Each structure stands twice: as structure tokens, then as C-alpha cells.
Amino acid sequence: MPHVLWEGLGENPYFGYLGLAEYIVVTCDSVSMVTEACATGKPVYVIDVAGGSRKFLEFHESFRREGYTRPFTGVLEHWQRPPLTDMENAVVEIKHRLAKAGIAVS
């Protein structure tokens, strides 16, 4: 299977890789890496590594439960999930806070 390993030299190609990939396999040690991968809407597989806090483990469990990620077992299958975006949740929360403060919103 074709692959590329970036060894830290030159400009980081990470976001380009996300854009070009058919499948994304990441390790569980970076919440940012997992959420950025899920924002693509592509199949995201997570390789578990030992350690992590309760909050960290709950994050990964929620992403699996919601269908954003699957554990990496060595097999890549195509599946889809709408891209992860918090924009709608952010808009709802901002409107709620403005209304609570007595500021009219449309």
C-alpha cells in the first residue's frame, strides 16, 4: 500500500495529506489530530496507545459511539460520516448566551 512518512524536514504536509487521503489512520495521543481528521468526512481509524486520562478516554469513546472514528485493526473499509463541525453548535450557544443577556437576535 502506498504511503509517505514525514520526518520533520521542510514544511509540514499534514493538511495536504488530510485533503488527499482516502482513509486516515491516526494515533489516539492527540485530540487535535483526531478532530482535524474527522473534519474531512473521510474514514478515520484510531490506533490506541497505552495511557491517557479519564477525560481523554471518554473523548475517544464518544467519537467512536457517534461514528466519527473506528479502532484500527489493520483493515481499511470505506464508510462515511458527515464532516465533524461545531459551527452549528457554536451558533446555537452564542444565540442562547445573547438571549440570556437580553440581547435580541434574529
PDB file of N, CA and C in Angstrom:
ATOM      1  N   MET A   1       0.847  -1.165   0.000  1.00  0.00           N
ATOM      2  CA  MET A   1       0.000   0.000   0.000  1.00  0.00           C
ATOM      3  C   MET A   1       0.898   1.236   0.000  1.00  0.00           C
ATOM      4  N   PRO A   2       0.648   2.185  -0.898  1.00  0.00           N
ATOM      5  CA  PRO A   2       1.472   3.399  -0.934  1.00  0.00           C
ATOM      6  C   PRO A   2       1.342   4.183   0.361  1.00  0.00           C
ATOM      7  N   HIS A   3       2.437   4.757   0.794  1.00  0.00           N
ATOM      8  CA  HIS A   3       2.418   5.583   1.992  1.00  0.00           C
ATOM      9  C   HIS A   3       3.601   6.541   1.962  1.00  0.00           C
ATOM     10  N   VAL A   4       3.525   7.564   2.792  1.00  0.00           N
ATOM     11  CA  VAL A   4       4.598   8.544   2.926  1.00  0.00           C
ATOM     12  C   VAL A   4       4.779   8.818   4.401  1.00  0.00           C
ATOM     13  N   LEU A   5       6.000   8.875   4.858  1.00  0.00           N
ATOM     14  CA  LEU A   5       6.294   9.203   6.243  1.00  0.00           C
ATOM     15  C   LEU A   5       7.060  10.518   6.264  1.00  0.00           C
ATOM     16  N   TRP A   6       6.466  11.536   6.896  1.00  0.00           N
ATOM     17  CA  TRP A   6       7.147  12.827   7.019  1.00  0.00           C
ATOM     18  C   TRP A   6       8.053  12.755   8.234  1.00  0.00           C
ATOM     19  N   GLU A   7       9.301  13.105   8.065  1.00  0.00           N
ATOM     20  CA  GLU A   7      10.287  13.001   9.143  1.00  0.00           C
ATOM     21  C   GLU A   7      10.676  14.347   9.730  1.00  0.00           C
ATOM     22  N   GLY A   8       9.831  15.355   9.537  1.00  0.00           N
ATOM     23  CA  GLY A   8      10.044  16.639  10.180  1.00  0.00           C
ATOM     24  C   GLY A   8      10.881  17.627   9.395  1.00  0.00           C
ATOM     25  N   LEU A   9      11.249  17.302   8.182  1.00  0.00           N
ATOM     26  CA  LEU A   9      12.051  18.212   7.371  1.00  0.00           C
ATOM     27  C   LEU A   9      11.152  18.982   6.411  1.00  0.00           C
ATOM     28  N   GLY A  10      11.366  20.293   6.297  1.00  0.00           N
ATOM     29  CA  GLY A  10      10.565  21.111   5.399  1.00  0.00           C
ATOM     30  C   GLY A  10       9.200  21.437   5.987  1.00  0.00           C
ATOM     31  N   GLU A  11       8.347  21.998   5.137  1.00  0.00           N
ATOM     32  CA  GLU A  11       7.015  22.405   5.576  1.00  0.00           C
ATOM     33  C   GLU A  11       6.169  21.175   5.904  1.00  0.00           C
ATOM     34  N   ASN A  12       5.405  21.265   6.975  1.00  0.00           N
ATOM     35  CA  ASN A  12       4.567  20.153   7.407  1.00  0.00           C
ATOM     36  C   ASN A  12       3.460  19.902   6.377  1.00  0.00           C
ATOM     37  N   PRO A  13       3.417  18.712   5.791  1.00  0.00           N
ATOM     38  CA  PRO A  13       2.418  18.403   4.761  1.00  0.00           C
ATOM     39  C   PRO A  13       1.102  17.858   5.322  1.00  0.00           C
ATOM     40  N   TYR A  14       0.908  17.936   6.630  1.00  0.00           N
ATOM     41  CA  TYR A  14      -0.218  17.288   7.304  1.00  0.00           C
ATOM     42  C   TYR A  14      -1.573  17.603   6.677  1.00  0.00           C
ATOM     43  N   PHE A  15      -1.895  18.894   6.482  1.00  0.00           N
ATOM     44  CA  PHE A  15      -3.210  19.239   5.955  1.00  0.00           C
ATOM     45  C   PHE A  15      -3.355  18.818   4.493  1.00  0.00           C
ATOM     46  N   GLY A  16      -2.269  18.829   3.752  1.00  0.00           N
ATOM     47  CA  GLY A  16      -2.297  18.300   2.386  1.00  0.00           C
ATOM     48  C   GLY A  16      -2.588  16.814   2.385  1.00  0.00           C
ATOM     49  N   TYR A  17      -1.971  16.090   3.313  1.00  0.00           N
ATOM     50  CA  TYR A  17      -2.240  14.651   3.448  1.00  0.00           C
ATOM     51  C   TYR A  17      -3.711  14.408   3.756  1.00  0.00           C
ATOM     52  N   LEU A  18      -4.275  15.206   4.664  1.00  0.00           N
ATOM     53  CA  LEU A  18      -5.683  15.043   5.004  1.00  0.00           C
ATOM     54  C   LEU A  18      -6.571  15.252   3.775  1.00  0.00           C
ATOM     55  N   GLY A  19      -6.220  16.230   2.967  1.00  0.00           N
ATOM     56  CA  GLY A  19      -7.010  16.527   1.784  1.00  0.00           C
ATOM     57  C   GLY A  19      -6.936  15.448   0.723  1.00  0.00           C
ATOM     58  N   LEU A  20      -5.789  14.803   0.584  1.00  0.00           N
ATOM     59  CA  LEU A  20      -5.590  13.812  -0.461  1.00  0.00           C
ATOM     60  C   LEU A  20      -5.932  12.381  -0.048  1.00  0.00           C
ATOM     61  N   ALA A  21      -5.972  12.121   1.232  1.00  0.00           N
ATOM     62  CA  ALA A  21      -6.151  10.749   1.727  1.00  0.00           C
ATOM     63  C   ALA A  21      -7.537  10.197   1.429  1.00  0.00           C
ATOM     64  N   GLU A  22      -7.597   8.893   1.208  1.00  0.00           N
ATOM     65  CA  GLU A  22      -8.880   8.200   1.112  1.00  0.00           C
ATOM     66  C   GLU A  22      -9.306   7.713   2.491  1.00  0.00           C
ATOM     67  N   TYR A  23      -8.334   7.317   3.297  1.00  0.00           N
ATOM     68  CA  TYR A  23      -8.536   6.850   4.662  1.00  0.00           C
ATOM     69  C   TYR A  23      -7.510   7.566   5.528  1.00  0.00           C
ATOM     70  N   ILE A  24      -7.847   7.781   6.780  1.00  0.00           N
ATOM     71  CA  ILE A  24      -6.915   8.439   7.682  1.00  0.00           C
ATOM     72  C   ILE A  24      -6.736   7.561   8.913  1.00  0.00           C
ATOM     73  N   VAL A  25      -5.473   7.276   9.231  1.00  0.00           N
ATOM     74  CA  VAL A  25      -5.140   6.489  10.413  1.00  0.00           C
ATOM     75  C   VAL A  25      -4.286   7.384  11.308  1.00  0.00           C
ATOM     76  N   VAL A  26      -4.762   7.605  12.533  1.00  0.00           N
ATOM     77  CA  VAL A  26      -4.055   8.468  13.477  1.00  0.00           C
ATOM     78  C   VAL A  26      -3.883   7.732  14.804  1.00  0.00           C
ATOM     79  N   THR A  27      -2.964   8.211  15.611  1.00  0.00           N
ATOM     80  CA  THR A  27      -2.820   7.662  16.957  1.00  0.00           C
ATOM     81  C   THR A  27      -3.724   8.450  17.899  1.00  0.00           C
ATOM     82  N   CYS A  28      -4.056   7.843  19.014  1.00  0.00           N
ATOM     83  CA  CYS A  28      -5.014   8.442  19.946  1.00  0.00           C
ATOM     84  C   CYS A  28      -4.401   9.511  20.842  1.00  0.00           C
ATOM     85  N   ASP A  29      -3.110   9.761  20.723  1.00  0.00           N
ATOM     86  CA  ASP A  29      -2.444  10.651  21.673  1.00  0.00           C
ATOM     87  C   ASP A  29      -2.606  12.135  21.362  1.00  0.00           C
ATOM     88  N   SER A  30      -3.373  12.488  20.319  1.00  0.00           N
ATOM     89  CA  SER A  30      -3.583  13.898  20.012  1.00  0.00           C
ATOM     90  C   SER A  30      -5.056  14.145  19.689  1.00  0.00           C
ATOM     91  N   VAL A  31      -5.748  14.847  20.571  1.00  0.00           N
ATOM     92  CA  VAL A  31      -7.152  15.199  20.337  1.00  0.00           C
ATOM     93  C   VAL A  31      -7.262  16.077  19.099  1.00  0.00           C
ATOM     94  N   SER A  32      -6.332  17.004  18.922  1.00  0.00           N
ATOM     95  CA  SER A  32      -6.360  17.885  17.754  1.00  0.00           C
ATOM     96  C   SER A  32      -6.243  17.093  16.459  1.00  0.00           C
ATOM     97  N   MET A  33      -5.326  16.144  16.414  1.00  0.00           N
ATOM     98  CA  MET A  33      -5.117  15.351  15.214  1.00  0.00           C
ATOM     99  C   MET A  33      -6.385  14.564  14.867  1.00  0.00           C
ATOM    100  N   VAL A  34      -7.035  13.997  15.867  1.00  0.00           N
ATOM    101  CA  VAL A  34      -8.251  13.216  15.637  1.00  0.00           C
ATOM    102  C   VAL A  34      -9.372  14.121  15.135  1.00  0.00           C
ATOM    103  N   THR A  35      -9.593  15.267  15.774  1.00  0.00           N
ATOM    104  CA  THR A  35     -10.691  16.144  15.366  1.00  0.00           C
ATOM    105  C   THR A  35     -10.436  16.750  13.985  1.00  0.00           C
ATOM    106  N   GLU A  36      -9.197  17.104  13.670  1.00  0.00           N
ATOM    107  CA  GLU A  36      -8.880  17.619  12.334  1.00  0.00           C
ATOM    108  C   GLU A  36      -9.147  16.562  11.276  1.00  0.00           C
ATOM    109  N   ALA A  37      -8.793  15.325  11.562  1.00  0.00           N
ATOM    110  CA  ALA A  37      -9.050  14.235  10.621  1.00  0.00           C
ATOM    111  C   ALA A  37     -10.553  14.036  10.444  1.00  0.00           C
ATOM    112  N   CYS A  38     -11.314  14.105  11.515  1.00  0.00           N
ATOM    113  CA  CYS A  38     -12.768  13.913  11.442  1.00  0.00           C
ATOM    114  C   CYS A  38     -13.458  15.043  10.687  1.00  0.00           C
ATOM    115  N   ALA A  39     -12.843  16.207  10.638  1.00  0.00           N
ATOM    116  CA  ALA A  39     -13.422  17.336   9.911  1.00  0.00           C
ATOM    117  C   ALA A  39     -13.414  17.103   8.402  1.00  0.00           C
ATOM    118  N   THR A  40     -12.680  16.099   7.918  1.00  0.00           N
ATOM    119  CA  THR A  40     -12.616  15.818   6.489  1.00  0.00           C
ATOM    120  C   THR A  40     -13.812  15.018   6.000  1.00  0.00           C
ATOM    121  N   GLY A  41     -14.508  14.314   6.891  1.00  0.00           N
ATOM    122  CA  GLY A  41     -15.604  13.453   6.494  1.00  0.00           C
ATOM    123  C   GLY A  41     -15.143  12.112   5.944  1.00  0.00           C
ATOM    124  N   LYS A  42     -13.835  11.865   5.968  1.00  0.00           N
ATOM    125  CA  LYS A  42     -13.285  10.602   5.472  1.00  0.00           C
ATOM    126  C   LYS A  42     -13.226   9.579   6.600  1.00  0.00           C
ATOM    127  N   PRO A  43     -13.115   8.299   6.267  1.00  0.00           N
ATOM    128  CA  PRO A  43     -12.984   7.291   7.321  1.00  0.00           C
ATOM    129  C   PRO A  43     -11.735   7.553   8.165  1.00  0.00           C
ATOM    130  N   VAL A  44     -11.918   7.646   9.477  1.00  0.00           N
ATOM    131  CA  VAL A  44     -10.805   7.900  10.394  1.00  0.00           C
ATOM    132  C   VAL A  44     -10.675   6.706  11.339  1.00  0.00           C
ATOM    133  N   TYR A  45      -9.502   6.109  11.310  1.00  0.00           N
ATOM    134  CA  TYR A  45      -9.175   4.990  12.189  1.00  0.00           C
ATOM    135  C   TYR A  45      -8.192   5.466  13.238  1.00  0.00           C
ATOM    136  N   VAL A  46      -8.365   4.997  14.465  1.00  0.00           N
ATOM    137  CA  VAL A  46      -7.508   5.426  15.566  1.00  0.00           C
ATOM    138  C   VAL A  46      -6.747   4.231  16.116  1.00  0.00           C
ATOM    139  N   ILE A  47      -5.437   4.418  16.218  1.00  0.00           N
ATOM    140  CA  ILE A  47      -4.575   3.416  16.846  1.00  0.00           C
ATOM    141  C   ILE A  47      -4.457   3.781  18.317  1.00  0.00           C
ATOM    142  N   ASP A  48      -4.887   2.883  19.180  1.00  0.00           N
ATOM    143  CA  ASP A  48      -4.816   3.128  20.619  1.00  0.00           C
ATOM    144  C   ASP A  48      -3.402   2.892  21.135  1.00  0.00           C
ATOM    145  N   VAL A  49      -2.993   3.746  22.044  1.00  0.00           N
ATOM    146  CA  VAL A  49      -1.728   3.571  22.764  1.00  0.00           C
ATOM    147  C   VAL A  49      -2.044   3.652  24.251  1.00  0.00           C
ATOM    148  N   ALA A  50      -1.217   3.045  25.049  1.00  0.00           N
ATOM    149  CA  ALA A  50      -1.458   2.998  26.498  1.00  0.00           C
ATOM    150  C   ALA A  50      -1.400   4.397  27.112  1.00  0.00           C
ATOM    151  N   GLY A  51      -2.157   4.558  28.188  1.00  0.00           N
ATOM    152  CA  GLY A  51      -2.129   5.823  28.939  1.00  0.00           C
ATOM    153  C   GLY A  51      -3.313   6.698  28.604  1.00  0.00           C
ATOM    154  N   GLY A  52      -3.295   7.880  29.141  1.00  0.00           N
ATOM    155  CA  GLY A  52      -4.370   8.838  28.902  1.00  0.00           C
ATOM    156  C   GLY A  52      -5.273   8.967  30.118  1.00  0.00           C
ATOM    157  N   SER A  53      -5.785  10.156  30.308  1.00  0.00           N
ATOM    158  CA  SER A  53      -6.670  10.431  31.442  1.00  0.00           C
ATOM    159  C   SER A  53      -8.076   9.906  31.161  1.00  0.00           C
ATOM    160  N   ARG A  54      -8.920   9.915  32.178  1.00  0.00           N
ATOM    161  CA  ARG A  54     -10.311   9.510  32.029  1.00  0.00           C
ATOM    162  C   ARG A  54     -11.000  10.387  30.993  1.00  0.00           C
ATOM    163  N   LYS A  55     -10.758  11.692  31.055  1.00  0.00           N
ATOM    164  CA  LYS A  55     -11.367  12.638  30.117  1.00  0.00           C
ATOM    165  C   LYS A  55     -10.930  12.325  28.682  1.00  0.00           C
ATOM    166  N   PHE A  56      -9.675  11.994  28.511  1.00  0.00           N
ATOM    167  CA  PHE A  56      -9.109  11.651  27.210  1.00  0.00           C
ATOM    168  C   PHE A  56      -9.774  10.388  26.669  1.00  0.00           C
ATOM    169  N   LEU A  57      -9.932   9.368  27.510  1.00  0.00           N
ATOM    170  CA  LEU A  57     -10.561   8.109  27.104  1.00  0.00           C
ATOM    171  C   LEU A  57     -12.036   8.328  26.772  1.00  0.00           C
ATOM    172  N   GLU A  58     -12.720   9.188  27.516  1.00  0.00           N
ATOM    173  CA  GLU A  58     -14.122   9.497  27.238  1.00  0.00           C
ATOM    174  C   GLU A  58     -14.281  10.216  25.899  1.00  0.00           C
ATOM    175  N   PHE A  59     -13.322  11.085  25.576  1.00  0.00           N
ATOM    176  CA  PHE A  59     -13.330  11.761  24.271  1.00  0.00           C
ATOM    177  C   PHE A  59     -13.340  10.724  23.152  1.00  0.00           C
ATOM    178  N   HIS A  60     -12.422   9.777  23.218  1.00  0.00           N
ATOM    179  CA  HIS A  60     -12.330   8.764  22.160  1.00  0.00           C
ATOM    180  C   HIS A  60     -13.562   7.864  22.126  1.00  0.00           C
ATOM    181  N   GLU A  61     -14.085   7.519  23.273  1.00  0.00           N
ATOM    182  CA  GLU A  61     -15.288   6.695  23.316  1.00  0.00           C
ATOM    183  C   GLU A  61     -16.462   7.425  22.669  1.00  0.00           C
ATOM    184  N   SER A  62     -16.592   8.728  22.917  1.00  0.00           N
ATOM    185  CA  SER A  62     -17.703   9.483  22.332  1.00  0.00           C
ATOM    186  C   SER A  62     -17.565   9.570  20.811  1.00  0.00           C
ATOM    187  N   PHE A  63     -16.349   9.725  20.301  1.00  0.00           N
ATOM    188  CA  PHE A  63     -16.152   9.788  18.852  1.00  0.00           C
ATOM    189  C   PHE A  63     -16.471   8.445  18.202  1.00  0.00           C
ATOM    190  N   ARG A  64     -16.129   7.358  18.874  1.00  0.00           N
ATOM    191  CA  ARG A  64     -16.471   6.033  18.330  1.00  0.00           C
ATOM    192  C   ARG A  64     -17.975   5.816  18.378  1.00  0.00           C
ATOM    193  N   ARG A  65     -18.586   6.179  19.476  1.00  0.00           N
ATOM    194  CA  ARG A  65     -20.033   5.997  19.645  1.00  0.00           C
ATOM    195  C   ARG A  65     -20.810   6.798  18.593  1.00  0.00           C
ATOM    196  N   GLU A  66     -20.353   8.013  18.288  1.00  0.00           N
ATOM    197  CA  GLU A  66     -21.017   8.870  17.307  1.00  0.00           C
ATOM    198  C   GLU A  66     -20.659   8.500  15.867  1.00  0.00           C
ATOM    199  N   GLY A  67     -19.756   7.551  15.689  1.00  0.00           N
ATOM    200  CA  GLY A  67     -19.414   7.082  14.354  1.00  0.00           C
ATOM    201  C   GLY A  67     -18.372   7.899  13.624  1.00  0.00           C
ATOM    202  N   TYR A  68     -17.669   8.784  14.333  1.00  0.00           N
ATOM    203  CA  TYR A  68     -16.616   9.572  13.692  1.00  0.00           C
ATOM    204  C   TYR A  68     -15.328   8.784  13.502  1.00  0.00           C
ATOM    205  N   THR A  69     -15.045   7.875  14.418  1.00  0.00           N
ATOM    206  CA  THR A  69     -13.822   7.077  14.319  1.00  0.00           C
ATOM    207  C   THR A  69     -14.138   5.612  14.548  1.00  0.00           C
ATOM    208  N   ARG A  70     -13.188   4.793  14.147  1.00  0.00           N
ATOM    209  CA  ARG A  70     -13.221   3.362  14.436  1.00  0.00           C
ATOM    210  C   ARG A  70     -11.826   2.957  14.865  1.00  0.00           C
ATOM    211  N   PRO A  71     -11.722   1.914  15.673  1.00  0.00           N
ATOM    212  CA  PRO A  71     -10.384   1.441  16.047  1.00  0.00           C
ATOM    213  C   PRO A  71      -9.694   0.839  14.824  1.00  0.00           C
ATOM    214  N   PHE A  72      -8.392   1.059  14.718  1.00  0.00           N
ATOM    215  CA  PHE A  72      -7.630   0.496  13.606  1.00  0.00           C
ATOM    216  C   PHE A  72      -7.277  -0.951  13.918  1.00  0.00           C
ATOM    217  N   THR A  73      -7.736  -1.846  13.055  1.00  0.00           N
ATOM    218  CA  THR A  73      -7.480  -3.284  13.232  1.00  0.00           C
ATOM    219  C   THR A  73      -6.591  -3.837  12.136  1.00  0.00           C
ATOM    220  N   GLY A  74      -6.107  -2.971  11.255  1.00  0.00           N
ATOM    221  CA  GLY A  74      -5.289  -3.404  10.135  1.00  0.00           C
ATOM    222  C   GLY A  74      -6.079  -3.514   8.843  1.00  0.00           C
ATOM    223  N   VAL A  75      -7.395  -3.368   8.925  1.00  0.00           N
ATOM    224  CA  VAL A  75      -8.257  -3.454   7.747  1.00  0.00           C
ATOM    225  C   VAL A  75      -8.891  -2.085   7.503  1.00  0.00           C
ATOM    226  N   LEU A  76      -8.789  -1.607   6.257  1.00  0.00           N
ATOM    227  CA  LEU A  76      -9.396  -0.327   5.895  1.00  0.00           C
ATOM    228  C   LEU A  76     -10.661  -0.593   5.091  1.00  0.00           C
ATOM    229  N   GLU A  77     -11.790  -0.106   5.604  1.00  0.00           N
ATOM    230  CA  GLU A  77     -13.065  -0.219   4.914  1.00  0.00           C
ATOM    231  C   GLU A  77     -13.594   1.192   4.683  1.00  0.00           C
ATOM    232  N   HIS A  78     -14.259   1.365   3.547  1.00  0.00           N
ATOM    233  CA  HIS A  78     -14.816   2.684   3.281  1.00  0.00           C
ATOM    234  C   HIS A  78     -16.151   2.833   4.008  1.00  0.00           C
ATOM    235  N   TRP A  79     -16.286   3.887   4.759  1.00  0.00           N
ATOM    236  CA  TRP A  79     -17.530   4.239   5.429  1.00  0.00           C
ATOM    237  C   TRP A  79     -17.560   5.749   5.511  1.00  0.00           C
ATOM    238  N   GLN A  80     -18.731   6.301   5.658  1.00  0.00           N
ATOM    239  CA  GLN A  80     -18.844   7.755   5.656  1.00  0.00           C
ATOM    240  C   GLN A  80     -19.571   8.261   6.883  1.00  0.00           C
ATOM    241  N   ARG A  81     -19.203   9.430   7.244  1.00  0.00           N
ATOM    242  CA  ARG A  81     -19.827  10.176   8.328  1.00  0.00           C
ATOM    243  C   ARG A  81     -19.724  11.627   7.908  1.00  0.00           C
ATOM    244  N   PRO A  82     -20.773  12.422   8.083  1.00  0.00           N
ATOM    245  CA  PRO A  82     -20.640  13.840   7.735  1.00  0.00           C
ATOM    246  C   PRO A  82     -19.437  14.448   8.461  1.00  0.00           C
ATOM    247  N   PRO A  83     -18.744  15.379   7.815  1.00  0.00           N
ATOM    248  CA  PRO A  83     -17.586  16.008   8.467  1.00  0.00           C
ATOM    249  C   PRO A  83     -17.959  16.586   9.830  1.00  0.00           C
ATOM    250  N   LEU A  84     -17.063  16.431  10.771  1.00  0.00           N
ATOM    251  CA  LEU A  84     -17.253  16.982  12.109  1.00  0.00           C
ATOM    252  C   LEU A  84     -17.122  18.490  12.040  1.00  0.00           C
ATOM    253  N   THR A  85     -18.157  19.173  12.482  1.00  0.00           N
ATOM    254  CA  THR A  85     -18.105  20.626  12.553  1.00  0.00           C
ATOM    255  C   THR A  85     -18.893  21.082  13.765  1.00  0.00           C
ATOM    256  N   ASP A  86     -18.356  22.011  14.477  1.00  0.00           N
ATOM    257  CA  ASP A  86     -19.028  22.548  15.652  1.00  0.00           C
ATOM    258  C   ASP A  86     -19.709  23.875  15.356  1.00  0.00           C
ATOM    259  N   MET A  87     -19.736  24.280  14.085  1.00  0.00           N
ATOM    260  CA  MET A  87     -20.286  25.585  13.743  1.00  0.00           C
ATOM    261  C   MET A  87     -21.737  25.720  14.192  1.00  0.00           C
ATOM    262  N   GLU A  88     -22.574  24.733  13.893  1.00  0.00           N
ATOM    263  CA  GLU A  88     -23.984  24.834  14.272  1.00  0.00           C
ATOM    264  C   GLU A  88     -24.145  24.911  15.794  1.00  0.00           C
ATOM    265  N   ASN A  89     -23.381  24.094  16.510  1.00  0.00           N
ATOM    266  CA  ASN A  89     -23.441  24.129  17.976  1.00  0.00           C
ATOM    267  C   ASN A  89     -22.973  25.476  18.507  1.00  0.00           C
ATOM    268  N   ALA A  90     -21.946  26.045  17.887  1.00  0.00           N
ATOM    269  CA  ALA A  90     -21.434  27.344  18.329  1.00  0.00           C
ATOM    270  C   ALA A  90     -22.479  28.439  18.113  1.00  0.00           C
ATOM    271  N   VAL A  91     -23.147  28.409  16.961  1.00  0.00           N
ATOM    272  CA  VAL A  91     -24.170  29.414  16.673  1.00  0.00           C
ATOM    273  C   VAL A  91     -25.305  29.325  17.691  1.00  0.00           C
ATOM    274  N   VAL A  92     -25.766  28.121  17.982  1.00  0.00           N
ATOM    275  CA  VAL A  92     -26.838  27.926  18.962  1.00  0.00           C
ATOM    276  C   VAL A  92     -26.410  28.453  20.328  1.00  0.00           C
ATOM    277  N   GLU A  93     -25.199  28.128  20.737  1.00  0.00           N
ATOM    278  CA  GLU A  93     -24.710  28.564  22.052  1.00  0.00           C
ATOM    279  C   GLU A  93     -24.567  30.079  22.127  1.00  0.00           C
ATOM    280  N   ILE A  94     -24.073  30.706  21.079  1.00  0.00           N
ATOM    281  CA  ILE A  94     -23.927  32.172  21.068  1.00  0.00           C
ATOM    282  C   ILE A  94     -25.298  32.842  21.153  1.00  0.00           C
ATOM    283  N   LYS A  95     -26.252  32.342  20.364  1.00  0.00           N
ATOM    284  CA  LYS A  95     -27.602  32.911  20.413  1.00  0.00           C
ATOM    285  C   LYS A  95     -28.215  32.744  21.798  1.00  0.00           C
ATOM    286  N   HIS A  96     -28.001  31.597  22.403  1.00  0.00           N
ATOM    287  CA  HIS A  96     -28.511  31.341  23.748  1.00  0.00           C
ATOM    288  C   HIS A  96     -27.922  32.331  24.752  1.00  0.00           C
ATOM    289  N   ARG A  97     -26.616  32.536  24.682  1.00  0.00           N
ATOM    290  CA  ARG A  97     -25.959  33.452  25.624  1.00  0.00           C
ATOM    291  C   ARG A  97     -26.386  34.901  25.397  1.00  0.00           C
ATOM    292  N   LEU A  98     -26.551  35.294  24.130  1.00  0.00           N
ATOM    293  CA  LEU A  98     -27.014  36.654  23.841  1.00  0.00           C
ATOM    294  C   LEU A  98     -28.433  36.854  24.362  1.00  0.00           C
ATOM    295  N   ALA A  99     -29.296  35.873  24.129  1.00  0.00           N
ATOM    296  CA  ALA A  99     -30.677  35.982  24.609  1.00  0.00           C
ATOM    297  C   ALA A  99     -30.714  36.041  26.126  1.00  0.00           C
ATOM    298  N   LYS A 100     -29.885  35.272  26.776  1.00  0.00           N
ATOM    299  CA  LYS A 100     -29.805  35.268  28.237  1.00  0.00           C
ATOM    300  C   LYS A 100     -29.356  36.627  28.761  1.00  0.00           C
ATOM    301  N   ALA A 101     -28.515  37.303  27.971  1.00  0.00           N
ATOM    302  CA  ALA A 101     -28.036  38.630  28.361  1.00  0.00           C
ATOM    303  C   ALA A 101     -29.013  39.734  27.956  1.00  0.00           C
ATOM    304  N   GLY A 102     -30.138  39.337  27.344  1.00  0.00           N
ATOM    305  CA  GLY A 102     -31.146  40.313  26.964  1.00  0.00           C
ATOM    306  C   GLY A 102     -30.872  40.991  25.634  1.00  0.00           C
ATOM    307  N   ILE A 103     -30.036  40.425  24.844  1.00  0.00           N
ATOM    308  CA  ILE A 103     -29.706  40.999  23.531  1.00  0.00           C
ATOM    309  C   ILE A 103     -30.530  40.267  22.476  1.00  0.00           C
ATOM    310  N   ALA A 104     -31.293  41.027  21.703  1.00  0.00           N
ATOM    311  CA  ALA A 104     -32.150  40.421  20.678  1.00  0.00           C
ATOM    312  C   ALA A 104     -31.313  39.842  19.550  1.00  0.00           C
ATOM    313  N   VAL A 105     -31.676  38.637  19.134  1.00  0.00           N
ATOM    314  CA  VAL A 105     -31.001  38.005  17.992  1.00  0.00           C
ATOM    315  C   VAL A 105     -32.038  37.545  16.980  1.00  0.00           C
ATOM    316  N   SER A 106     -31.652  37.557  15.738  1.00  0.00           N
ATOM    317  CA  SER A 106     -32.605  37.103  14.709  1.00  0.00           C
ATOM    318  C   SER A 106     -32.236  35.752  14.178  1.00  0.00           C
TER     319      SER A 106
END
